[in-house]
Amino acid sequence: MSVPKTIDFAPVALFCYNRPRHLQKTVEALLLNAEASNSELYVFCDGPSNHLQRENTDAVRTYVRALAGFKKVTVVERESNFGLSRSIVTGVTEIVNAHGNVIVLEDDLVTSPYFLRYMNDGLRIYRDCERVASIHGYSYAHSHRVPETYFLKGADCYGWGTWKRAWKVFNNDPSALYKMLIDSGLSSEFDWQYPYPYMQLLHDQMNGKNDLWAVRWHASAFLAGMFTLYPRESLVYHIGFDTGTSYNHNCPRFLDPLHVRLSKTPVTVELISNIEVVSEVAAMHRAYLRRFRWLLLYVGIRDRIHRILNRRRSRATTPVS
């Protein structure tokens, strides 16, 4: 597969922490993209949160220091633990300020061999379209009635790309975003008429209960009236539910809303002049979000049962003085 040398390829920012095996799968899949050899790779390695994480974070750094196959590899090693949110927000800001655009991956995303082609095509075609916030590689839709590429309002986080002009709308303050959504009467629309609790996630951030950066990016783009482009056939597969920082659990496949088959063919990106959410796509997306909510319910019940059982075991093994 040949790649034209005259195309300017967007840099890839890869964020990792303490999962060397996941990271290796992510990198190996990315290297199967023909465009990898023309793409600069920036690897952001977060620092360990405690001494127990040191072995895994060291293993990650050893692995990425030896990476080859990309146009250039730059490794950024954080001395302290930034956490996922700060790491991504800081890293994306640094890259778009230096290059004007970026493709973003985390260390639990396996990509199709056609991922970089799609991302670069999308970033090129919609570069100057002010209503487009980002290009997204993962797709929730599987019906052939859905167009080859389609739009959803807001932004997303499973293999995506953006430009400096769009990233400028990012607001890091969940309280401000929550208030703007309430004051503008958009809270119901933001929650997709309640299939998914995006507003609750923002409210929890205000109270320090989570640190999910993606809901702030989604809310920022949503409030700005911006949209994200998706492929009908997914170009990204999520492998991190077993160890991820957002949902730390083993997820049964029948409950996993992110389970998809990677596209085996390229996705053609053509300019869509009428940027809006197609009704067929909206219905499928609501169904997906309902399924994701069932997953959250399952996780909450399972984790609560585990906490109760662990407390009982702890009491049973505590010696009586």
C-alpha atoms as a PDB file:
ATOM      1  CA  MET A   1       0.000   0.000   0.000  1.00  0.00           C
ATOM      2  CA  SER A   2       1.574   3.276  -1.088  1.00  0.00           C
ATOM      3  CA  VAL A   3       1.152   6.595   0.702  1.00  0.00           C
ATOM      4  CA  PRO A   4       1.564   9.932  -1.141  1.00  0.00           C
ATOM      5  CA  LYS A   5       4.598  11.789   0.208  1.00  0.00           C
ATOM      6  CA  THR A   6       3.086  15.218  -0.459  1.00  0.00           C
ATOM      7  CA  ILE A   7       0.386  14.901   2.213  1.00  0.00           C
ATOM      8  CA  ASP A   8       0.984  16.568   5.565  1.00  0.00           C
ATOM      9  CA  PHE A   9       0.198  13.926   8.167  1.00  0.00           C
ATOM     10  CA  ALA A  10      -1.156  14.957  11.552  1.00  0.00           C
ATOM     11  CA  PRO A  11       0.988  14.067  14.578  1.00  0.00           C
ATOM     12  CA  VAL A  12      -0.270  11.280  16.810  1.00  0.00           C
ATOM     13  CA  ALA A  13      -0.412  11.796  20.588  1.00  0.00           C
ATOM     14  CA  LEU A  14      -0.465   8.519  22.530  1.00  0.00           C
ATOM     15  CA  PHE A  15      -1.204   8.682  26.252  1.00  0.00           C
ATOM     16  CA  CYS A  16      -0.070   5.856  28.496  1.00  0.00           C
ATOM     17  CA  TYR A  17       0.467   5.083  32.153  1.00  0.00           C
ATOM     18  CA  ASN A  18       0.989   1.605  33.622  1.00  0.00           C
ATOM     19  CA  ARG A  19      -0.304  -0.973  31.119  1.00  0.00           C
ATOM     20  CA  PRO A  20       2.612  -2.218  29.001  1.00  0.00           C
ATOM     21  CA  ARG A  21       0.692  -5.136  27.482  1.00  0.00           C
ATOM     22  CA  HIS A  22      -2.241  -2.962  26.415  1.00  0.00           C
ATOM     23  CA  LEU A  23       0.158  -0.350  25.082  1.00  0.00           C
ATOM     24  CA  GLN A  24       2.014  -2.911  22.977  1.00  0.00           C
ATOM     25  CA  LYS A  25      -1.251  -3.984  21.305  1.00  0.00           C
ATOM     26  CA  THR A  26      -2.116  -0.352  20.615  1.00  0.00           C
ATOM     27  CA  VAL A  27       1.279   0.379  19.051  1.00  0.00           C
ATOM     28  CA  GLU A  28       1.432  -2.834  17.018  1.00  0.00           C
ATOM     29  CA  ALA A  29      -1.987  -2.110  15.512  1.00  0.00           C
ATOM     30  CA  LEU A  30      -1.026   1.489  14.755  1.00  0.00           C
ATOM     31  CA  LEU A  31       2.121   0.339  12.955  1.00  0.00           C
ATOM     32  CA  LEU A  32      -0.055  -1.685  10.565  1.00  0.00           C
ATOM     33  CA  ASN A  33      -1.332   1.629   9.196  1.00  0.00           C
ATOM     34  CA  ALA A  34       0.561   2.524   6.019  1.00  0.00           C
ATOM     35  CA  GLU A  35       0.628   6.156   7.161  1.00  0.00           C
ATOM     36  CA  ALA A  36       2.519   5.329  10.381  1.00  0.00           C
ATOM     37  CA  SER A  37       5.936   5.756   8.730  1.00  0.00           C
ATOM     38  CA  ASN A  38       4.953   9.297   7.729  1.00  0.00           C
ATOM     39  CA  SER A  39       3.472  10.225  11.123  1.00  0.00           C
ATOM     40  CA  GLU A  40       5.229  11.798  14.083  1.00  0.00           C
ATOM     41  CA  LEU A  41       4.384  10.000  17.316  1.00  0.00           C
ATOM     42  CA  TYR A  42       4.357  11.753  20.688  1.00  0.00           C
ATOM     43  CA  VAL A  43       4.121   9.367  23.631  1.00  0.00           C
ATOM     44  CA  PHE A  44       3.060  10.910  26.934  1.00  0.00           C
ATOM     45  CA  CYS A  45       4.041   8.665  29.859  1.00  0.00           C
ATOM     46  CA  ASP A  46       2.366   9.594  33.125  1.00  0.00           C
ATOM     47  CA  GLY A  47       4.296   9.251  36.374  1.00  0.00           C
ATOM     48  CA  PRO A  48       3.463   6.595  38.990  1.00  0.00           C
ATOM     49  CA  SER A  49       0.831   7.494  41.572  1.00  0.00           C
ATOM     50  CA  ASN A  50       2.608   5.372  44.213  1.00  0.00           C
ATOM     51  CA  HIS A  51       5.614   3.066  44.571  1.00  0.00           C
ATOM     52  CA  LEU A  52       3.477   0.031  43.689  1.00  0.00           C
ATOM     53  CA  GLN A  53       3.001   1.398  40.156  1.00  0.00           C
ATOM     54  CA  ARG A  54       6.695   2.005  39.555  1.00  0.00           C
ATOM     55  CA  GLU A  55       7.416  -1.393  37.976  1.00  0.00           C
ATOM     56  CA  ASN A  56       4.644  -1.038  35.377  1.00  0.00           C
ATOM     57  CA  THR A  57       5.334   2.616  34.575  1.00  0.00           C
ATOM     58  CA  ASP A  58       9.043   1.777  34.159  1.00  0.00           C
ATOM     59  CA  ALA A  59       8.108  -1.087  31.819  1.00  0.00           C
ATOM     60  CA  VAL A  60       6.011   1.299  29.726  1.00  0.00           C
ATOM     61  CA  ARG A  61       8.890   3.756  29.437  1.00  0.00           C
ATOM     62  CA  THR A  62      11.381   1.063  28.514  1.00  0.00           C
ATOM     63  CA  TYR A  63       9.051  -0.102  25.748  1.00  0.00           C
ATOM     64  CA  VAL A  64       8.342   3.313  24.199  1.00  0.00           C
ATOM     65  CA  ARG A  65      12.000   4.424  24.263  1.00  0.00           C
ATOM     66  CA  ALA A  66      12.758   1.650  21.760  1.00  0.00           C
ATOM     67  CA  LEU A  67       9.835   2.346  19.408  1.00  0.00           C
ATOM     68  CA  ALA A  68      10.551   2.477  15.688  1.00  0.00           C
ATOM     69  CA  GLY A  69       8.509   2.518  12.488  1.00  0.00           C
ATOM     70  CA  PHE A  70       7.179   6.058  12.772  1.00  0.00           C
ATOM     71  CA  LYS A  71       8.547   9.172  11.091  1.00  0.00           C
ATOM     72  CA  LYS A  72       9.754  10.385  14.485  1.00  0.00           C
ATOM     73  CA  VAL A  73       9.103   9.353  18.073  1.00  0.00           C
ATOM     74  CA  THR A  74       9.137  11.854  20.920  1.00  0.00           C
ATOM     75  CA  VAL A  75       8.688  10.494  24.446  1.00  0.00           C
ATOM     76  CA  VAL A  76       7.431  12.814  27.178  1.00  0.00           C
ATOM     77  CA  GLU A  77       7.998  11.321  30.639  1.00  0.00           C
ATOM     78  CA  ARG A  78       6.124  13.010  33.462  1.00  0.00           C
ATOM     79  CA  GLU A  79       8.021  13.071  36.747  1.00  0.00           C
ATOM     80  CA  SER A  80       4.835  13.191  38.820  1.00  0.00           C
ATOM     81  CA  ASN A  81       1.429  11.634  38.328  1.00  0.00           C
ATOM     82  CA  PHE A  82      -0.729  13.986  36.251  1.00  0.00           C
ATOM     83  CA  GLY A  83      -3.732  11.680  36.109  1.00  0.00           C
ATOM     84  CA  LEU A  84      -5.491  10.919  32.833  1.00  0.00           C
ATOM     85  CA  SER A  85      -7.463  14.157  32.625  1.00  0.00           C
ATOM     86  CA  ARG A  86      -4.580  16.560  33.168  1.00  0.00           C
ATOM     87  CA  SER A  87      -2.266  14.438  31.042  1.00  0.00           C
ATOM     88  CA  ILE A  88      -4.556  14.516  27.999  1.00  0.00           C
ATOM     89  CA  VAL A  89      -5.621  18.154  28.297  1.00  0.00           C
ATOM     90  CA  THR A  90      -2.015  19.305  28.720  1.00  0.00           C
ATOM     91  CA  GLY A  91      -0.634  17.051  25.982  1.00  0.00           C
ATOM     92  CA  VAL A  92      -3.297  17.878  23.395  1.00  0.00           C
ATOM     93  CA  THR A  93      -2.854  21.589  24.043  1.00  0.00           C
ATOM     94  CA  GLU A  94       0.917  21.307  23.582  1.00  0.00           C
ATOM     95  CA  ILE A  95       0.606  19.404  20.285  1.00  0.00           C
ATOM     96  CA  VAL A  96      -2.096  21.543  18.632  1.00  0.00           C
ATOM     97  CA  ASN A  97      -0.209  24.702  19.577  1.00  0.00           C
ATOM     98  CA  ALA A  98       2.926  23.315  17.914  1.00  0.00           C
ATOM     99  CA  HIS A  99       1.379  21.567  14.877  1.00  0.00           C
ATOM    100  CA  GLY A 100      -2.125  22.974  14.400  1.00  0.00           C
ATOM    101  CA  ASN A 101      -3.795  19.545  14.647  1.00  0.00           C
ATOM    102  CA  VAL A 102      -3.479  16.204  16.419  1.00  0.00           C
ATOM    103  CA  ILE A 103      -4.700  12.606  16.425  1.00  0.00           C
ATOM    104  CA  VAL A 104      -5.278  11.312  19.960  1.00  0.00           C
ATOM    105  CA  LEU A 105      -5.054   7.733  21.222  1.00  0.00           C
ATOM    106  CA  GLU A 106      -4.922   6.143  24.644  1.00  0.00           C
ATOM    107  CA  ASP A 107      -3.088   2.944  25.522  1.00  0.00           C
ATOM    108  CA  ASP A 108      -6.213   0.768  25.434  1.00  0.00           C
ATOM    109  CA  LEU A 109      -7.345   1.462  21.856  1.00  0.00           C
ATOM    110  CA  VAL A 110      -6.588  -0.948  19.016  1.00  0.00           C
ATOM    111  CA  THR A 111      -6.979   0.575  15.567  1.00  0.00           C
ATOM    112  CA  SER A 112      -7.800  -0.680  12.091  1.00  0.00           C
ATOM    113  CA  PRO A 113      -5.053  -0.509   9.438  1.00  0.00           C
ATOM    114  CA  TYR A 114      -7.184   2.241   7.859  1.00  0.00           C
ATOM    115  CA  PHE A 115      -7.497   4.411  10.967  1.00  0.00           C
ATOM    116  CA  LEU A 116      -4.775   6.939  10.117  1.00  0.00           C
ATOM    117  CA  ARG A 117      -5.977   7.297   6.522  1.00  0.00           C
ATOM    118  CA  TYR A 118      -9.499   8.124   7.723  1.00  0.00           C
ATOM    119  CA  MET A 119      -8.286  10.493  10.430  1.00  0.00           C
ATOM    120  CA  ASN A 120      -5.968  12.421   8.137  1.00  0.00           C
ATOM    121  CA  ASP A 121      -8.614  12.632   5.397  1.00  0.00           C
ATOM    122  CA  GLY A 122     -11.138  13.952   7.894  1.00  0.00           C
ATOM    123  CA  LEU A 123      -8.734  16.465   9.397  1.00  0.00           C
ATOM    124  CA  ARG A 124      -7.824  17.709   5.926  1.00  0.00           C
ATOM    125  CA  ILE A 125     -11.358  17.927   4.501  1.00  0.00           C
ATOM    126  CA  TYR A 126     -12.960  19.603   7.533  1.00  0.00           C
ATOM    127  CA  ARG A 127      -9.940  21.684   8.591  1.00  0.00           C
ATOM    128  CA  ASP A 128     -11.630  25.029   7.923  1.00  0.00           C
ATOM    129  CA  CYS A 129     -15.187  24.005   8.805  1.00  0.00           C
ATOM    130  CA  GLU A 130     -15.934  25.943  11.988  1.00  0.00           C
ATOM    131  CA  ARG A 131     -18.923  23.742  12.886  1.00  0.00           C
ATOM    132  CA  VAL A 132     -16.805  20.581  13.084  1.00  0.00           C
ATOM    133  CA  ALA A 133     -15.085  20.036  16.428  1.00  0.00           C
ATOM    134  CA  SER A 134     -13.342  16.734  15.744  1.00  0.00           C
ATOM    135  CA  ILE A 135     -12.970  13.537  13.754  1.00  0.00           C
ATOM    136  CA  HIS A 136     -13.740  10.311  15.623  1.00  0.00           C
ATOM    137  CA  GLY A 137     -12.500   6.817  14.805  1.00  0.00           C
ATOM    138  CA  TYR A 138     -14.837   4.679  16.914  1.00  0.00           C
ATOM    139  CA  SER A 139     -18.404   4.152  15.742  1.00  0.00           C
ATOM    140  CA  TYR A 140     -21.504   3.084  17.641  1.00  0.00           C
ATOM    141  CA  ALA A 141     -23.582   2.456  14.503  1.00  0.00           C
ATOM    142  CA  HIS A 142     -23.674  -0.829  12.600  1.00  0.00           C
ATOM    143  CA  SER A 143     -26.592  -0.459  10.199  1.00  0.00           C
ATOM    144  CA  HIS A 144     -25.855  -0.138   6.500  1.00  0.00           C
ATOM    145  CA  ARG A 145     -28.689   2.363   6.352  1.00  0.00           C
ATOM    146  CA  VAL A 146     -26.363   4.791   8.110  1.00  0.00           C
ATOM    147  CA  PRO A 147     -24.146   6.875   5.788  1.00  0.00           C
ATOM    148  CA  GLU A 148     -20.485   5.902   5.448  1.00  0.00           C
ATOM    149  CA  THR A 149     -19.649   8.934   7.606  1.00  0.00           C
ATOM    150  CA  TYR A 150     -22.077  10.862   9.786  1.00  0.00           C
ATOM    151  CA  PHE A 151     -22.220  13.583  12.436  1.00  0.00           C
ATOM    152  CA  LEU A 152     -23.188  13.697  16.106  1.00  0.00           C
ATOM    153  CA  LYS A 153     -23.340  16.886  18.125  1.00  0.00           C
ATOM    154  CA  GLY A 154     -20.509  17.476  20.596  1.00  0.00           C
ATOM    155  CA  ALA A 155     -17.245  15.530  20.828  1.00  0.00           C
ATOM    156  CA  ASP A 156     -15.945  12.099  21.817  1.00  0.00           C
ATOM    157  CA  CYS A 157     -12.860  10.304  23.130  1.00  0.00           C
ATOM    158  CA  TYR A 158     -12.147   6.863  21.580  1.00  0.00           C
ATOM    159  CA  GLY A 159      -9.536   7.637  18.935  1.00  0.00           C
ATOM    160  CA  TRP A 160     -10.095  11.187  17.749  1.00  0.00           C
ATOM    161  CA  GLY A 161      -8.482  14.165  16.118  1.00  0.00           C
ATOM    162  CA  THR A 162      -8.953  17.907  16.233  1.00  0.00           C
ATOM    163  CA  TRP A 163      -7.452  21.243  15.262  1.00  0.00           C
ATOM    164  CA  LYS A 164      -6.112  24.174  17.240  1.00  0.00           C
ATOM    165  CA  ARG A 165      -9.065  26.318  16.117  1.00  0.00           C
ATOM    166  CA  ALA A 166     -11.557  23.777  17.576  1.00  0.00           C
ATOM    167  CA  TRP A 167      -9.609  22.938  20.754  1.00  0.00           C
ATOM    168  CA  LYS A 168      -9.827  26.634  21.679  1.00  0.00           C
ATOM    169  CA  VAL A 169     -13.464  26.077  22.728  1.00  0.00           C
ATOM    170  CA  PHE A 170     -12.446  23.509  25.370  1.00  0.00           C
ATOM    171  CA  ASN A 171     -13.560  24.652  28.821  1.00  0.00           C
ATOM    172  CA  ASN A 172     -11.872  22.857  31.714  1.00  0.00           C
ATOM    173  CA  ASP A 173     -14.390  24.112  34.313  1.00  0.00           C
ATOM    174  CA  PRO A 174     -17.251  21.608  34.898  1.00  0.00           C
ATOM    175  CA  SER A 175     -19.176  24.101  37.062  1.00  0.00           C
ATOM    176  CA  ALA A 176     -19.214  26.695  34.285  1.00  0.00           C
ATOM    177  CA  LEU A 177     -20.255  24.091  31.707  1.00  0.00           C
ATOM    178  CA  TYR A 178     -23.019  22.755  33.948  1.00  0.00           C
ATOM    179  CA  LYS A 179     -24.406  26.234  34.562  1.00  0.00           C
ATOM    180  CA  MET A 180     -24.321  27.141  30.858  1.00  0.00           C
ATOM    181  CA  LEU A 181     -26.226  23.978  29.953  1.00  0.00           C
ATOM    182  CA  ILE A 182     -28.870  24.684  32.611  1.00  0.00           C
ATOM    183  CA  ASP A 183     -29.190  28.377  31.757  1.00  0.00           C
ATOM    184  CA  SER A 184     -29.489  27.680  28.024  1.00  0.00           C
ATOM    185  CA  GLY A 185     -32.128  24.975  28.532  1.00  0.00           C
ATOM    186  CA  LEU A 186     -29.959  22.370  26.819  1.00  0.00           C
ATOM    187  CA  SER A 187     -29.551  19.862  29.658  1.00  0.00           C
ATOM    188  CA  SER A 188     -32.153  17.425  28.287  1.00  0.00           C
ATOM    189  CA  GLU A 189     -30.714  17.543  24.777  1.00  0.00           C
ATOM    190  CA  PHE A 190     -27.223  17.107  26.219  1.00  0.00           C
ATOM    191  CA  ASP A 191     -28.419  13.917  27.960  1.00  0.00           C
ATOM    192  CA  TRP A 192     -30.026  12.729  24.709  1.00  0.00           C
ATOM    193  CA  GLN A 193     -33.451  12.997  26.376  1.00  0.00           C
ATOM    194  CA  TYR A 194     -32.097  11.057  29.362  1.00  0.00           C
ATOM    195  CA  PRO A 195     -30.628   7.819  27.955  1.00  0.00           C
ATOM    196  CA  TYR A 196     -27.240   8.825  29.410  1.00  0.00           C
ATOM    197  CA  PRO A 197     -26.340  10.952  32.482  1.00  0.00           C
ATOM    198  CA  TYR A 198     -23.866  13.443  30.997  1.00  0.00           C
ATOM    199  CA  MET A 199     -25.250  16.188  33.235  1.00  0.00           C
ATOM    200  CA  GLN A 200     -24.758  13.971  36.282  1.00  0.00           C
ATOM    201  CA  LEU A 201     -21.145  13.364  35.271  1.00  0.00           C
ATOM    202  CA  LEU A 202     -20.549  17.118  35.150  1.00  0.00           C
ATOM    203  CA  HIS A 203     -22.307  17.563  38.496  1.00  0.00           C
ATOM    204  CA  ASP A 204     -20.149  14.829  40.033  1.00  0.00           C
ATOM    205  CA  GLN A 205     -17.044  16.600  38.745  1.00  0.00           C
ATOM    206  CA  MET A 206     -18.153  19.776  40.492  1.00  0.00           C
ATOM    207  CA  ASN A 207     -18.169  17.755  43.722  1.00  0.00           C
ATOM    208  CA  GLY A 208     -14.864  16.006  43.093  1.00  0.00           C
ATOM    209  CA  LYS A 209     -16.402  12.571  42.463  1.00  0.00           C
ATOM    210  CA  ASN A 210     -14.770  12.009  39.078  1.00  0.00           C
ATOM    211  CA  ASP A 211     -12.157  13.529  36.809  1.00  0.00           C
ATOM    212  CA  LEU A 212     -13.449  12.569  33.369  1.00  0.00           C
ATOM    213  CA  TRP A 213     -11.918  14.982  30.867  1.00  0.00           C
ATOM    214  CA  ALA A 214     -14.020  13.758  27.934  1.00  0.00           C
ATOM    215  CA  VAL A 215     -17.353  14.989  29.275  1.00  0.00           C
ATOM    216  CA  ARG A 216     -15.866  18.498  29.462  1.00  0.00           C
ATOM    217  CA  TRP A 217     -14.687  18.259  25.851  1.00  0.00           C
ATOM    218  CA  HIS A 218     -18.112  16.960  24.806  1.00  0.00           C
ATOM    219  CA  ALA A 219     -19.930  19.720  26.711  1.00  0.00           C
ATOM    220  CA  SER A 220     -17.611  22.423  25.375  1.00  0.00           C
ATOM    221  CA  ALA A 221     -18.195  21.413  21.750  1.00  0.00           C
ATOM    222  CA  PHE A 222     -21.912  20.869  22.351  1.00  0.00           C
ATOM    223  CA  LEU A 223     -22.383  24.356  23.794  1.00  0.00           C
ATOM    224  CA  ALA A 224     -20.453  25.817  20.861  1.00  0.00           C
ATOM    225  CA  GLY A 225     -22.904  24.143  18.464  1.00  0.00           C
ATOM    226  CA  MET A 226     -20.160  21.949  17.003  1.00  0.00           C
ATOM    227  CA  PHE A 227     -20.267  18.407  15.618  1.00  0.00           C
ATOM    228  CA  THR A 228     -17.994  15.363  15.343  1.00  0.00           C
ATOM    229  CA  LEU A 229     -17.599  13.124  12.292  1.00  0.00           C
ATOM    230  CA  TYR A 230     -17.926   9.332  12.772  1.00  0.00           C
ATOM    231  CA  PRO A 231     -17.397   6.364  10.426  1.00  0.00           C
ATOM    232  CA  ARG A 232     -20.181   3.842   9.882  1.00  0.00           C
ATOM    233  CA  GLU A 233     -17.719   0.987  10.381  1.00  0.00           C
ATOM    234  CA  SER A 234     -15.567   1.399  13.461  1.00  0.00           C
ATOM    235  CA  LEU A 235     -11.838   1.928  13.049  1.00  0.00           C
ATOM    236  CA  VAL A 236     -11.138   1.637  16.788  1.00  0.00           C
ATOM    237  CA  TYR A 237     -11.626  -1.193  19.288  1.00  0.00           C
ATOM    238  CA  HIS A 238     -11.506  -0.587  23.043  1.00  0.00           C
ATOM    239  CA  ILE A 239      -9.558  -3.194  25.069  1.00  0.00           C
ATOM    240  CA  GLY A 240      -9.221  -1.412  28.416  1.00  0.00           C
ATOM    241  CA  PHE A 241     -12.303  -2.335  30.422  1.00  0.00           C
ATOM    242  CA  ASP A 242     -10.273  -4.850  32.437  1.00  0.00           C
ATOM    243  CA  THR A 243      -7.887  -2.234  33.882  1.00  0.00           C
ATOM    244  CA  GLY A 244      -9.046   1.236  32.828  1.00  0.00           C
ATOM    245  CA  THR A 245      -9.073   4.190  35.194  1.00  0.00           C
ATOM    246  CA  SER A 246     -12.644   5.171  34.273  1.00  0.00           C
ATOM    247  CA  TYR A 247     -14.314   1.746  34.542  1.00  0.00           C
ATOM    248  CA  ASN A 248     -12.076  -0.599  36.474  1.00  0.00           C
ATOM    249  CA  HIS A 249     -13.784  -3.950  35.999  1.00  0.00           C
ATOM    250  CA  ASN A 250     -13.982  -7.133  33.979  1.00  0.00           C
ATOM    251  CA  CYS A 251     -16.905  -6.618  31.652  1.00  0.00           C
ATOM    252  CA  PRO A 252     -18.918  -9.515  30.157  1.00  0.00           C
ATOM    253  CA  ARG A 253     -18.893  -9.158  26.379  1.00  0.00           C
ATOM    254  CA  PHE A 254     -22.686  -9.272  26.139  1.00  0.00           C
ATOM    255  CA  LEU A 255     -22.790  -6.172  28.357  1.00  0.00           C
ATOM    256  CA  ASP A 256     -19.878  -4.388  26.700  1.00  0.00           C
ATOM    257  CA  PRO A 257     -21.362  -1.545  24.605  1.00  0.00           C
ATOM    258  CA  LEU A 258     -17.977  -0.858  23.035  1.00  0.00           C
ATOM    259  CA  HIS A 259     -17.641  -4.309  21.466  1.00  0.00           C
ATOM    260  CA  VAL A 260     -17.384  -3.848  17.686  1.00  0.00           C
ATOM    261  CA  ARG A 261     -15.634  -5.360  14.686  1.00  0.00           C
ATOM    262  CA  LEU A 262     -12.891  -3.291  13.135  1.00  0.00           C
ATOM    263  CA  SER A 263     -13.434  -2.201   9.568  1.00  0.00           C
ATOM    264  CA  LYS A 264     -11.558  -4.392   7.087  1.00  0.00           C
ATOM    265  CA  THR A 265     -11.811  -1.796   4.327  1.00  0.00           C
ATOM    266  CA  PRO A 266     -10.943   1.916   4.063  1.00  0.00           C
ATOM    267  CA  VAL A 267     -13.576   4.501   4.978  1.00  0.00           C
ATOM    268  CA  THR A 268     -14.147   7.129   2.327  1.00  0.00           C
ATOM    269  CA  VAL A 269     -14.385  10.643   3.731  1.00  0.00           C
ATOM    270  CA  GLU A 270     -16.230  13.148   1.564  1.00  0.00           C
ATOM    271  CA  LEU A 271     -17.358  16.650   2.436  1.00  0.00           C
ATOM    272  CA  ILE A 272     -20.865  16.693   3.924  1.00  0.00           C
ATOM    273  CA  SER A 273     -22.128  20.213   3.349  1.00  0.00           C
ATOM    274  CA  ASN A 274     -25.259  19.851   5.493  1.00  0.00           C
ATOM    275  CA  ILE A 275     -23.835  19.293   8.977  1.00  0.00           C
ATOM    276  CA  GLU A 276     -26.603  17.882  11.146  1.00  0.00           C
ATOM    277  CA  VAL A 277     -27.575  14.704  13.001  1.00  0.00           C
ATOM    278  CA  VAL A 278     -29.461  12.269  10.768  1.00  0.00           C
ATOM    279  CA  SER A 279     -32.591  10.854  12.460  1.00  0.00           C
ATOM    280  CA  GLU A 280     -31.567   7.230  11.800  1.00  0.00           C
ATOM    281  CA  VAL A 281     -28.220   7.866  13.453  1.00  0.00           C
ATOM    282  CA  ALA A 282     -29.819   9.662  16.404  1.00  0.00           C
ATOM    283  CA  ALA A 283     -32.116   6.687  17.102  1.00  0.00           C
ATOM    284  CA  MET A 284     -29.212   4.242  17.017  1.00  0.00           C
ATOM    285  CA  HIS A 285     -27.119   6.439  19.259  1.00  0.00           C
ATOM    286  CA  ARG A 286     -29.883   6.678  21.878  1.00  0.00           C
ATOM    287  CA  ALA A 287     -30.155   2.885  21.853  1.00  0.00           C
ATOM    288  CA  TYR A 288     -26.392   2.630  22.358  1.00  0.00           C
ATOM    289  CA  LEU A 289     -26.476   5.058  25.292  1.00  0.00           C
ATOM    290  CA  ARG A 290     -29.275   3.074  26.961  1.00  0.00           C
ATOM    291  CA  ARG A 291     -27.107  -0.019  26.689  1.00  0.00           C
ATOM    292  CA  PHE A 292     -24.158   1.848  28.180  1.00  0.00           C
ATOM    293  CA  ARG A 293     -26.359   2.911  31.099  1.00  0.00           C
ATOM    294  CA  TRP A 294     -27.163  -0.741  31.799  1.00  0.00           C
ATOM    295  CA  LEU A 295     -23.418  -1.366  31.914  1.00  0.00           C
ATOM    296  CA  LEU A 296     -22.962   1.380  34.500  1.00  0.00           C
ATOM    297  CA  LEU A 297     -25.772  -0.137  36.582  1.00  0.00           C
ATOM    298  CA  TYR A 298     -24.137  -3.575  36.368  1.00  0.00           C
ATOM    299  CA  VAL A 299     -20.760  -2.151  37.403  1.00  0.00           C
ATOM    300  CA  GLY A 300     -22.259  -0.231  40.328  1.00  0.00           C
ATOM    301  CA  ILE A 301     -24.112  -3.273  41.700  1.00  0.00           C
ATOM    302  CA  ARG A 302     -21.136  -5.592  41.183  1.00  0.00           C
ATOM    303  CA  ASP A 303     -18.671  -3.220  42.852  1.00  0.00           C
ATOM    304  CA  ARG A 304     -21.031  -2.636  45.784  1.00  0.00           C
ATOM    305  CA  ILE A 305     -21.357  -6.401  46.331  1.00  0.00           C
ATOM    306  CA  HIS A 306     -17.567  -6.776  46.205  1.00  0.00           C
ATOM    307  CA  ARG A 307     -17.117  -4.018  48.802  1.00  0.00           C
ATOM    308  CA  ILE A 308     -19.621  -5.673  51.141  1.00  0.00           C
ATOM    309  CA  LEU A 309     -17.974  -9.097  50.742  1.00  0.00           C
ATOM    310  CA  ASN A 310     -14.501  -7.631  51.272  1.00  0.00           C
ATOM    311  CA  ARG A 311     -15.638  -5.914  54.496  1.00  0.00           C
ATOM    312  CA  ARG A 312     -17.087  -9.183  55.756  1.00  0.00           C
ATOM    313  CA  ARG A 313     -13.891 -11.073  54.941  1.00  0.00           C
ATOM    314  CA  SER A 314     -11.865  -8.391  56.677  1.00  0.00           C
ATOM    315  CA  ARG A 315     -13.971  -8.664  59.829  1.00  0.00           C
ATOM    316  CA  ALA A 316     -13.770 -12.460  59.774  1.00  0.00           C
ATOM    317  CA  THR A 317      -9.968 -12.431  59.624  1.00  0.00           C
ATOM    318  CA  THR A 318      -9.424  -9.650  62.180  1.00  0.00           C
ATOM    319  CA  PRO A 319      -8.164 -11.200  65.451  1.00  0.00           C
ATOM    320  CA  VAL A 320     -10.223 -10.536  68.558  1.00  0.00           C
ATOM    321  CA  SER A 321      -8.174  -8.755  71.210  1.00  0.00           C
END
